[in-house]
């Protein structure tokens, strides 16, 4: 029997998941003394299976905000149906093995055909334009548009920044907002893709780029964004399960 349901977290937790003690299934919260199950990286089928196995328990979980918009479905199969299913599988395997054993071995035939000579001999010529990458360092500050100051480290903890997905993320100074990102660019590039994340928040933003602004292989570039440009990615708290009516 199929059961459909949605998830909710009525009272989101304000604790920082990244600062909790990691466990095999999530992280342990010292504030409420509970294990917070991390469902954010699981597929819909994995979430449905977990709920089916733990539906009678008081669950504290971490989800992606988008998972609150999903409808999950779980197939509940009785023990009788499980037995019938296993018996049907066994019968089909036995039947197929008998059929394979009765099949005749096909007679191999050889067809001789003349080999065509498609070889062309000569000097290979090709034109190739290689765009050379230039190593630069982008330095600046990450500032909030409304205040022109660094973002609050309490609301946006451990902000990290990457540009064009180059190498690893660079940590932003929580007090000054300063960052320094070594990377490679093409002189013909016209834009840079900035990715910022920290805590439960994420932002991807494209800014214009002009190589003429690079001086001595350094580009001075402040990144000013509005706080509402951030997307809340994760949410944690007591998990509620809302089952749909039978169809």
C-alpha atoms as a PDB file:
ATOM      1  CA  UNK A   1       0.000   0.000   0.000  1.00  0.00           C
ATOM      2  CA  UNK A   2       1.351   3.417  -0.977  1.00  0.00           C
ATOM      3  CA  UNK A   3       1.489   6.210   1.571  1.00  0.00           C
ATOM      4  CA  UNK A   4       2.192   9.787   0.557  1.00  0.00           C
ATOM      5  CA  UNK A   5       3.341  12.456   2.976  1.00  0.00           C
ATOM      6  CA  UNK A   6       5.077  15.816   3.330  1.00  0.00           C
ATOM      7  CA  UNK A   7       7.481  17.023   6.000  1.00  0.00           C
ATOM      8  CA  UNK A   8       7.438  20.125   8.148  1.00  0.00           C
ATOM      9  CA  UNK A   9       9.483  21.786  10.864  1.00  0.00           C
ATOM     10  CA  UNK A  10       7.076  23.976  12.785  1.00  0.00           C
ATOM     11  CA  UNK A  11       9.681  25.486  15.117  1.00  0.00           C
ATOM     12  CA  UNK A  12      13.076  25.727  13.372  1.00  0.00           C
ATOM     13  CA  UNK A  13      16.134  25.354  15.589  1.00  0.00           C
ATOM     14  CA  UNK A  14      18.558  28.288  15.779  1.00  0.00           C
ATOM     15  CA  UNK A  15      21.578  26.156  16.732  1.00  0.00           C
ATOM     16  CA  UNK A  16      24.509  25.956  14.296  1.00  0.00           C
ATOM     17  CA  UNK A  17      24.528  22.431  12.854  1.00  0.00           C
ATOM     18  CA  UNK A  18      28.184  22.735  11.788  1.00  0.00           C
ATOM     19  CA  UNK A  19      29.243  23.255  15.400  1.00  0.00           C
ATOM     20  CA  UNK A  20      27.447  20.168  16.703  1.00  0.00           C
ATOM     21  CA  UNK A  21      29.272  16.907  17.444  1.00  0.00           C
ATOM     22  CA  UNK A  22      29.231  14.673  14.311  1.00  0.00           C
ATOM     23  CA  UNK A  23      27.605  11.250  14.620  1.00  0.00           C
ATOM     24  CA  UNK A  24      27.068   8.383  12.182  1.00  0.00           C
ATOM     25  CA  UNK A  25      23.603   9.661  11.230  1.00  0.00           C
ATOM     26  CA  UNK A  26      23.942  13.420  11.730  1.00  0.00           C
ATOM     27  CA  UNK A  27      25.153  15.511  14.686  1.00  0.00           C
ATOM     28  CA  UNK A  28      24.537  15.636  18.433  1.00  0.00           C
ATOM     29  CA  UNK A  29      23.124  18.901  19.785  1.00  0.00           C
ATOM     30  CA  UNK A  30      24.378  19.779  23.269  1.00  0.00           C
ATOM     31  CA  UNK A  31      21.634  22.380  23.645  1.00  0.00           C
ATOM     32  CA  UNK A  32      18.674  19.992  23.493  1.00  0.00           C
ATOM     33  CA  UNK A  33      20.717  16.791  24.100  1.00  0.00           C
ATOM     34  CA  UNK A  34      19.343  15.122  20.978  1.00  0.00           C
ATOM     35  CA  UNK A  35      20.797  13.517  17.893  1.00  0.00           C
ATOM     36  CA  UNK A  36      19.870  15.625  14.851  1.00  0.00           C
ATOM     37  CA  UNK A  37      19.390  13.309  11.860  1.00  0.00           C
ATOM     38  CA  UNK A  38      20.818  14.779   8.645  1.00  0.00           C
ATOM     39  CA  UNK A  39      18.264  14.043   5.887  1.00  0.00           C
ATOM     40  CA  UNK A  40      19.496  16.870   3.661  1.00  0.00           C
ATOM     41  CA  UNK A  41      21.781  14.657   1.565  1.00  0.00           C
ATOM     42  CA  UNK A  42      19.363  11.740   1.191  1.00  0.00           C
ATOM     43  CA  UNK A  43      17.249  10.989  -1.872  1.00  0.00           C
ATOM     44  CA  UNK A  44      13.452  11.048  -1.695  1.00  0.00           C
ATOM     45  CA  UNK A  45      13.299   7.259  -1.535  1.00  0.00           C
ATOM     46  CA  UNK A  46      15.889   7.178   1.269  1.00  0.00           C
ATOM     47  CA  UNK A  47      13.912   9.781   3.246  1.00  0.00           C
ATOM     48  CA  UNK A  48      10.673   7.815   2.732  1.00  0.00           C
ATOM     49  CA  UNK A  49      12.366   4.602   3.912  1.00  0.00           C
ATOM     50  CA  UNK A  50      13.760   6.352   7.010  1.00  0.00           C
ATOM     51  CA  UNK A  51      10.340   7.804   7.920  1.00  0.00           C
ATOM     52  CA  UNK A  52       8.675   4.412   7.470  1.00  0.00           C
ATOM     53  CA  UNK A  53      11.192   2.805   9.840  1.00  0.00           C
ATOM     54  CA  UNK A  54      11.056   5.591  12.445  1.00  0.00           C
ATOM     55  CA  UNK A  55       7.521   6.990  12.127  1.00  0.00           C
ATOM     56  CA  UNK A  56       6.639   6.349  15.776  1.00  0.00           C
ATOM     57  CA  UNK A  57       9.690   8.156  17.162  1.00  0.00           C
ATOM     58  CA  UNK A  58      10.301  11.777  18.101  1.00  0.00           C
ATOM     59  CA  UNK A  59      12.686  12.874  15.346  1.00  0.00           C
ATOM     60  CA  UNK A  60      14.870  15.984  15.269  1.00  0.00           C
ATOM     61  CA  UNK A  61      16.206  16.418  11.745  1.00  0.00           C
ATOM     62  CA  UNK A  62      18.081  18.669   9.372  1.00  0.00           C
ATOM     63  CA  UNK A  63      16.523  19.185   5.935  1.00  0.00           C
ATOM     64  CA  UNK A  64      17.030  21.223   2.826  1.00  0.00           C
ATOM     65  CA  UNK A  65      14.366  23.915   2.640  1.00  0.00           C
ATOM     66  CA  UNK A  66      13.346  22.518  -0.761  1.00  0.00           C
ATOM     67  CA  UNK A  67      12.530  19.166   0.872  1.00  0.00           C
ATOM     68  CA  UNK A  68       9.642  20.843   2.700  1.00  0.00           C
ATOM     69  CA  UNK A  69       8.033  21.338  -0.718  1.00  0.00           C
ATOM     70  CA  UNK A  70       8.417  17.688  -1.749  1.00  0.00           C
ATOM     71  CA  UNK A  71       5.766  14.959  -1.555  1.00  0.00           C
ATOM     72  CA  UNK A  72       7.283  11.644  -0.498  1.00  0.00           C
ATOM     73  CA  UNK A  73       5.885   8.199  -1.165  1.00  0.00           C
ATOM     74  CA  UNK A  74       6.515   4.967   0.640  1.00  0.00           C
ATOM     75  CA  UNK A  75       5.342   1.484  -0.319  1.00  0.00           C
ATOM     76  CA  UNK A  76       4.283  -0.550   2.693  1.00  0.00           C
ATOM     77  CA  UNK A  77       4.328  -4.251   1.802  1.00  0.00           C
ATOM     78  CA  UNK A  78       2.874  -6.824   4.183  1.00  0.00           C
ATOM     79  CA  UNK A  79       4.804  -9.951   5.180  1.00  0.00           C
ATOM     80  CA  UNK A  80       2.406 -12.074   3.102  1.00  0.00           C
ATOM     81  CA  UNK A  81       3.052  -9.964   0.028  1.00  0.00           C
ATOM     82  CA  UNK A  82       6.782 -10.165   0.717  1.00  0.00           C
ATOM     83  CA  UNK A  83       6.576 -13.968   0.781  1.00  0.00           C
ATOM     84  CA  UNK A  84       4.556 -14.055  -2.444  1.00  0.00           C
ATOM     85  CA  UNK A  85       7.022 -11.690  -4.098  1.00  0.00           C
ATOM     86  CA  UNK A  86      10.019 -13.803  -3.053  1.00  0.00           C
ATOM     87  CA  UNK A  87       8.290 -16.978  -4.279  1.00  0.00           C
ATOM     88  CA  UNK A  88       7.525 -15.359  -7.643  1.00  0.00           C
ATOM     89  CA  UNK A  89      11.166 -14.298  -8.036  1.00  0.00           C
ATOM     90  CA  UNK A  90      12.403 -17.787  -7.215  1.00  0.00           C
ATOM     91  CA  UNK A  91       9.980 -19.363  -9.720  1.00  0.00           C
ATOM     92  CA  UNK A  92      11.027 -16.956 -12.480  1.00  0.00           C
ATOM     93  CA  UNK A  93      14.725 -17.681 -11.861  1.00  0.00           C
ATOM     94  CA  UNK A  94      14.096 -21.451 -12.024  1.00  0.00           C
ATOM     95  CA  UNK A  95      12.057 -21.086 -15.228  1.00  0.00           C
ATOM     96  CA  UNK A  96      14.644 -18.910 -16.938  1.00  0.00           C
ATOM     97  CA  UNK A  97      17.487 -21.276 -15.978  1.00  0.00           C
ATOM     98  CA  UNK A  98      15.592 -24.224 -17.570  1.00  0.00           C
ATOM     99  CA  UNK A  99      15.021 -22.234 -20.747  1.00  0.00           C
ATOM    100  CA  UNK A 100      18.668 -21.235 -20.979  1.00  0.00           C
ATOM    101  CA  UNK A 101      19.731 -24.848 -20.503  1.00  0.00           C
ATOM    102  CA  UNK A 102      17.528 -25.964 -23.416  1.00  0.00           C
ATOM    103  CA  UNK A 103      18.745 -23.341 -25.856  1.00  0.00           C
ATOM    104  CA  UNK A 104      20.903 -24.601 -28.715  1.00  0.00           C
ATOM    105  CA  UNK A 105      24.371 -23.232 -29.193  1.00  0.00           C
ATOM    106  CA  UNK A 106      24.294 -21.059 -32.341  1.00  0.00           C
ATOM    107  CA  UNK A 107      26.437 -22.166 -35.281  1.00  0.00           C
ATOM    108  CA  UNK A 108      29.300 -19.783 -35.905  1.00  0.00           C
ATOM    109  CA  UNK A 109      29.674 -18.608 -39.475  1.00  0.00           C
ATOM    110  CA  UNK A 110      32.481 -16.662 -41.063  1.00  0.00           C
ATOM    111  CA  UNK A 111      32.000 -14.143 -43.841  1.00  0.00           C
ATOM    112  CA  UNK A 112      35.020 -13.175 -45.872  1.00  0.00           C
ATOM    113  CA  UNK A 113      34.871  -9.755 -47.454  1.00  0.00           C
ATOM    114  CA  UNK A 114      37.573  -7.795 -49.223  1.00  0.00           C
ATOM    115  CA  UNK A 115      39.348  -5.220 -47.060  1.00  0.00           C
ATOM    116  CA  UNK A 116      38.908  -1.712 -48.350  1.00  0.00           C
ATOM    117  CA  UNK A 117      41.939   0.523 -48.350  1.00  0.00           C
ATOM    118  CA  UNK A 118      40.764   3.826 -46.907  1.00  0.00           C
ATOM    119  CA  UNK A 119      44.214   4.961 -45.818  1.00  0.00           C
ATOM    120  CA  UNK A 120      45.332   8.451 -46.836  1.00  0.00           C
ATOM    121  CA  UNK A 121      49.000   9.337 -46.579  1.00  0.00           C
ATOM    122  CA  UNK A 122      50.233  12.882 -46.188  1.00  0.00           C
ATOM    123  CA  UNK A 123      51.166  15.677 -43.826  1.00  0.00           C
ATOM    124  CA  UNK A 124      48.521  16.586 -41.288  1.00  0.00           C
ATOM    125  CA  UNK A 125      47.728  20.285 -41.035  1.00  0.00           C
ATOM    126  CA  UNK A 126      45.522  21.837 -38.375  1.00  0.00           C
ATOM    127  CA  UNK A 127      44.747  25.220 -36.955  1.00  0.00           C
ATOM    128  CA  UNK A 128      44.460  25.565 -33.196  1.00  0.00           C
ATOM    129  CA  UNK A 129      43.956  28.689 -31.134  1.00  0.00           C
ATOM    130  CA  UNK A 130      44.905  28.305 -27.499  1.00  0.00           C
ATOM    131  CA  UNK A 131      43.661  30.908 -25.050  1.00  0.00           C
ATOM    132  CA  UNK A 132      46.279  31.408 -22.363  1.00  0.00           C
ATOM    133  CA  UNK A 133      45.148  31.619 -18.756  1.00  0.00           C
ATOM    134  CA  UNK A 134      46.640  34.289 -16.532  1.00  0.00           C
ATOM    135  CA  UNK A 135      47.192  33.847 -12.796  1.00  0.00           C
ATOM    136  CA  UNK A 136      45.788  36.703 -10.715  1.00  0.00           C
ATOM    137  CA  UNK A 137      44.684  37.399  -7.148  1.00  0.00           C
ATOM    138  CA  UNK A 138      41.305  38.984  -6.454  1.00  0.00           C
ATOM    139  CA  UNK A 139      41.301  41.000  -3.227  1.00  0.00           C
ATOM    140  CA  UNK A 140      38.460  42.880  -1.615  1.00  0.00           C
ATOM    141  CA  UNK A 141      35.761  42.876   1.027  1.00  0.00           C
ATOM    142  CA  UNK A 142      32.391  41.130   1.209  1.00  0.00           C
ATOM    143  CA  UNK A 143      29.951  43.779   2.444  1.00  0.00           C
ATOM    144  CA  UNK A 144      26.225  44.020   3.124  1.00  0.00           C
ATOM    145  CA  UNK A 145      24.517  46.536   0.840  1.00  0.00           C
ATOM    146  CA  UNK A 146      22.271  48.018   3.544  1.00  0.00           C
ATOM    147  CA  UNK A 147      25.045  48.820   5.997  1.00  0.00           C
ATOM    148  CA  UNK A 148      28.186  48.716   3.843  1.00  0.00           C
ATOM    149  CA  UNK A 149      29.665  46.603   6.651  1.00  0.00           C
ATOM    150  CA  UNK A 150      30.688  42.932   6.933  1.00  0.00           C
ATOM    151  CA  UNK A 151      27.861  40.419   7.428  1.00  0.00           C
ATOM    152  CA  UNK A 152      26.968  39.388  10.971  1.00  0.00           C
ATOM    153  CA  UNK A 153      29.037  36.367  11.935  1.00  0.00           C
ATOM    154  CA  UNK A 154      26.211  35.200  14.219  1.00  0.00           C
ATOM    155  CA  UNK A 155      23.613  34.981  11.464  1.00  0.00           C
ATOM    156  CA  UNK A 156      26.054  34.076   8.690  1.00  0.00           C
ATOM    157  CA  UNK A 157      28.797  32.024  10.404  1.00  0.00           C
ATOM    158  CA  UNK A 158      31.944  30.866   8.628  1.00  0.00           C
ATOM    159  CA  UNK A 159      31.282  32.608   5.314  1.00  0.00           C
ATOM    160  CA  UNK A 160      33.359  31.152   2.490  1.00  0.00           C
ATOM    161  CA  UNK A 161      33.806  32.436  -1.038  1.00  0.00           C
ATOM    162  CA  UNK A 162      34.860  30.892  -4.337  1.00  0.00           C
ATOM    163  CA  UNK A 163      35.146  32.471  -7.787  1.00  0.00           C
ATOM    164  CA  UNK A 164      34.487  30.566 -11.034  1.00  0.00           C
ATOM    165  CA  UNK A 165      34.659  27.350  -8.998  1.00  0.00           C
ATOM    166  CA  UNK A 166      38.448  27.677  -8.900  1.00  0.00           C
ATOM    167  CA  UNK A 167      40.105  25.347  -6.392  1.00  0.00           C
ATOM    168  CA  UNK A 168      38.889  25.481  -2.796  1.00  0.00           C
ATOM    169  CA  UNK A 169      36.672  27.983  -1.021  1.00  0.00           C
ATOM    170  CA  UNK A 170      38.376  30.923   0.704  1.00  0.00           C
ATOM    171  CA  UNK A 171      37.284  31.938   4.195  1.00  0.00           C
ATOM    172  CA  UNK A 172      36.046  35.505   4.569  1.00  0.00           C
ATOM    173  CA  UNK A 173      37.407  37.465   7.533  1.00  0.00           C
ATOM    174  CA  UNK A 174      34.358  37.706   9.875  1.00  0.00           C
ATOM    175  CA  UNK A 175      35.475  41.051  11.353  1.00  0.00           C
ATOM    176  CA  UNK A 176      36.537  42.957   8.240  1.00  0.00           C
ATOM    177  CA  UNK A 177      34.877  40.988   5.414  1.00  0.00           C
ATOM    178  CA  UNK A 178      38.267  40.792   3.659  1.00  0.00           C
ATOM    179  CA  UNK A 179      39.122  37.979   1.250  1.00  0.00           C
ATOM    180  CA  UNK A 180      41.942  37.091  -1.130  1.00  0.00           C
ATOM    181  CA  UNK A 181      41.317  34.555  -3.895  1.00  0.00           C
ATOM    182  CA  UNK A 182      44.161  33.286  -6.136  1.00  0.00           C
ATOM    183  CA  UNK A 183      42.835  32.057  -9.472  1.00  0.00           C
ATOM    184  CA  UNK A 184      43.296  31.956 -13.226  1.00  0.00           C
ATOM    185  CA  UNK A 185      41.347  33.913 -15.818  1.00  0.00           C
ATOM    186  CA  UNK A 186      41.321  34.534 -19.549  1.00  0.00           C
ATOM    187  CA  UNK A 187      41.954  38.046 -20.767  1.00  0.00           C
ATOM    188  CA  UNK A 188      38.770  37.738 -22.822  1.00  0.00           C
ATOM    189  CA  UNK A 189      36.569  36.925 -19.807  1.00  0.00           C
ATOM    190  CA  UNK A 190      33.741  39.387 -19.217  1.00  0.00           C
ATOM    191  CA  UNK A 191      32.186  38.006 -16.032  1.00  0.00           C
ATOM    192  CA  UNK A 192      33.006  36.172 -12.806  1.00  0.00           C
ATOM    193  CA  UNK A 193      30.730  33.755 -10.957  1.00  0.00           C
ATOM    194  CA  UNK A 194      30.861  34.338  -7.203  1.00  0.00           C
ATOM    195  CA  UNK A 195      29.624  31.588  -4.865  1.00  0.00           C
ATOM    196  CA  UNK A 196      29.211  32.390  -1.163  1.00  0.00           C
ATOM    197  CA  UNK A 197      28.022  30.010   1.532  1.00  0.00           C
ATOM    198  CA  UNK A 198      28.074  29.853   5.286  1.00  0.00           C
ATOM    199  CA  UNK A 199      25.936  28.160   7.902  1.00  0.00           C
ATOM    200  CA  UNK A 200      22.533  27.534   6.333  1.00  0.00           C
ATOM    201  CA  UNK A 201      22.876  30.184   3.611  1.00  0.00           C
ATOM    202  CA  UNK A 202      23.997  30.137  -0.036  1.00  0.00           C
ATOM    203  CA  UNK A 203      24.400  32.675  -2.826  1.00  0.00           C
ATOM    204  CA  UNK A 204      25.518  32.498  -6.461  1.00  0.00           C
ATOM    205  CA  UNK A 205      26.049  35.817  -8.199  1.00  0.00           C
ATOM    206  CA  UNK A 206      27.612  36.942 -11.495  1.00  0.00           C
ATOM    207  CA  UNK A 207      29.603  40.167 -11.597  1.00  0.00           C
ATOM    208  CA  UNK A 208      31.236  41.928 -14.532  1.00  0.00           C
ATOM    209  CA  UNK A 209      34.966  41.555 -15.153  1.00  0.00           C
ATOM    210  CA  UNK A 210      37.406  43.627 -17.197  1.00  0.00           C
ATOM    211  CA  UNK A 211      40.988  42.433 -17.409  1.00  0.00           C
ATOM    212  CA  UNK A 212      42.133  46.036 -17.873  1.00  0.00           C
ATOM    213  CA  UNK A 213      41.327  46.571 -14.192  1.00  0.00           C
ATOM    214  CA  UNK A 214      43.990  44.014 -13.183  1.00  0.00           C
ATOM    215  CA  UNK A 215      47.164  45.754 -11.998  1.00  0.00           C
ATOM    216  CA  UNK A 216      50.334  43.779 -11.294  1.00  0.00           C
ATOM    217  CA  UNK A 217      48.269  40.591 -11.422  1.00  0.00           C
ATOM    218  CA  UNK A 218      45.966  41.865  -8.648  1.00  0.00           C
ATOM    219  CA  UNK A 219      42.308  42.849  -9.023  1.00  0.00           C
ATOM    220  CA  UNK A 220      40.824  44.978  -6.242  1.00  0.00           C
ATOM    221  CA  UNK A 221      37.126  44.129  -6.159  1.00  0.00           C
ATOM    222  CA  UNK A 222      34.673  44.566  -3.295  1.00  0.00           C
ATOM    223  CA  UNK A 223      31.574  42.369  -3.414  1.00  0.00           C
ATOM    224  CA  UNK A 224      28.488  44.173  -2.122  1.00  0.00           C
ATOM    225  CA  UNK A 225      25.260  42.181  -1.827  1.00  0.00           C
ATOM    226  CA  UNK A 226      21.892  42.577  -0.131  1.00  0.00           C
ATOM    227  CA  UNK A 227      21.088  40.159   2.681  1.00  0.00           C
ATOM    228  CA  UNK A 228      17.857  39.089   0.948  1.00  0.00           C
ATOM    229  CA  UNK A 229      19.920  37.750  -1.965  1.00  0.00           C
ATOM    230  CA  UNK A 230      20.970  34.842   0.228  1.00  0.00           C
ATOM    231  CA  UNK A 231      18.982  31.625  -0.058  1.00  0.00           C
ATOM    232  CA  UNK A 232      18.345  29.613   3.095  1.00  0.00           C
ATOM    233  CA  UNK A 233      19.446  26.085   2.231  1.00  0.00           C
ATOM    234  CA  UNK A 234      19.040  24.096   5.426  1.00  0.00           C
ATOM    235  CA  UNK A 235      16.551  23.987   8.293  1.00  0.00           C
ATOM    236  CA  UNK A 236      16.591  21.904  11.481  1.00  0.00           C
ATOM    237  CA  UNK A 237      14.182  21.122  14.291  1.00  0.00           C
ATOM    238  CA  UNK A 238      11.447  18.734  15.382  1.00  0.00           C
ATOM    239  CA  UNK A 239      10.191  16.823  12.345  1.00  0.00           C
ATOM    240  CA  UNK A 240       6.475  16.743  11.546  1.00  0.00           C
ATOM    241  CA  UNK A 241       4.971  14.232   9.115  1.00  0.00           C
ATOM    242  CA  UNK A 242       1.766  15.071   7.260  1.00  0.00           C
ATOM    243  CA  UNK A 243       0.164  12.058   5.573  1.00  0.00           C
ATOM    244  CA  UNK A 244      -2.028  12.578   2.517  1.00  0.00           C
ATOM    245  CA  UNK A 245      -5.468  11.056   2.239  1.00  0.00           C
ATOM    246  CA  UNK A 246      -5.661   7.606   0.651  1.00  0.00           C
ATOM    247  CA  UNK A 247      -6.219   7.573  -3.096  1.00  0.00           C
END
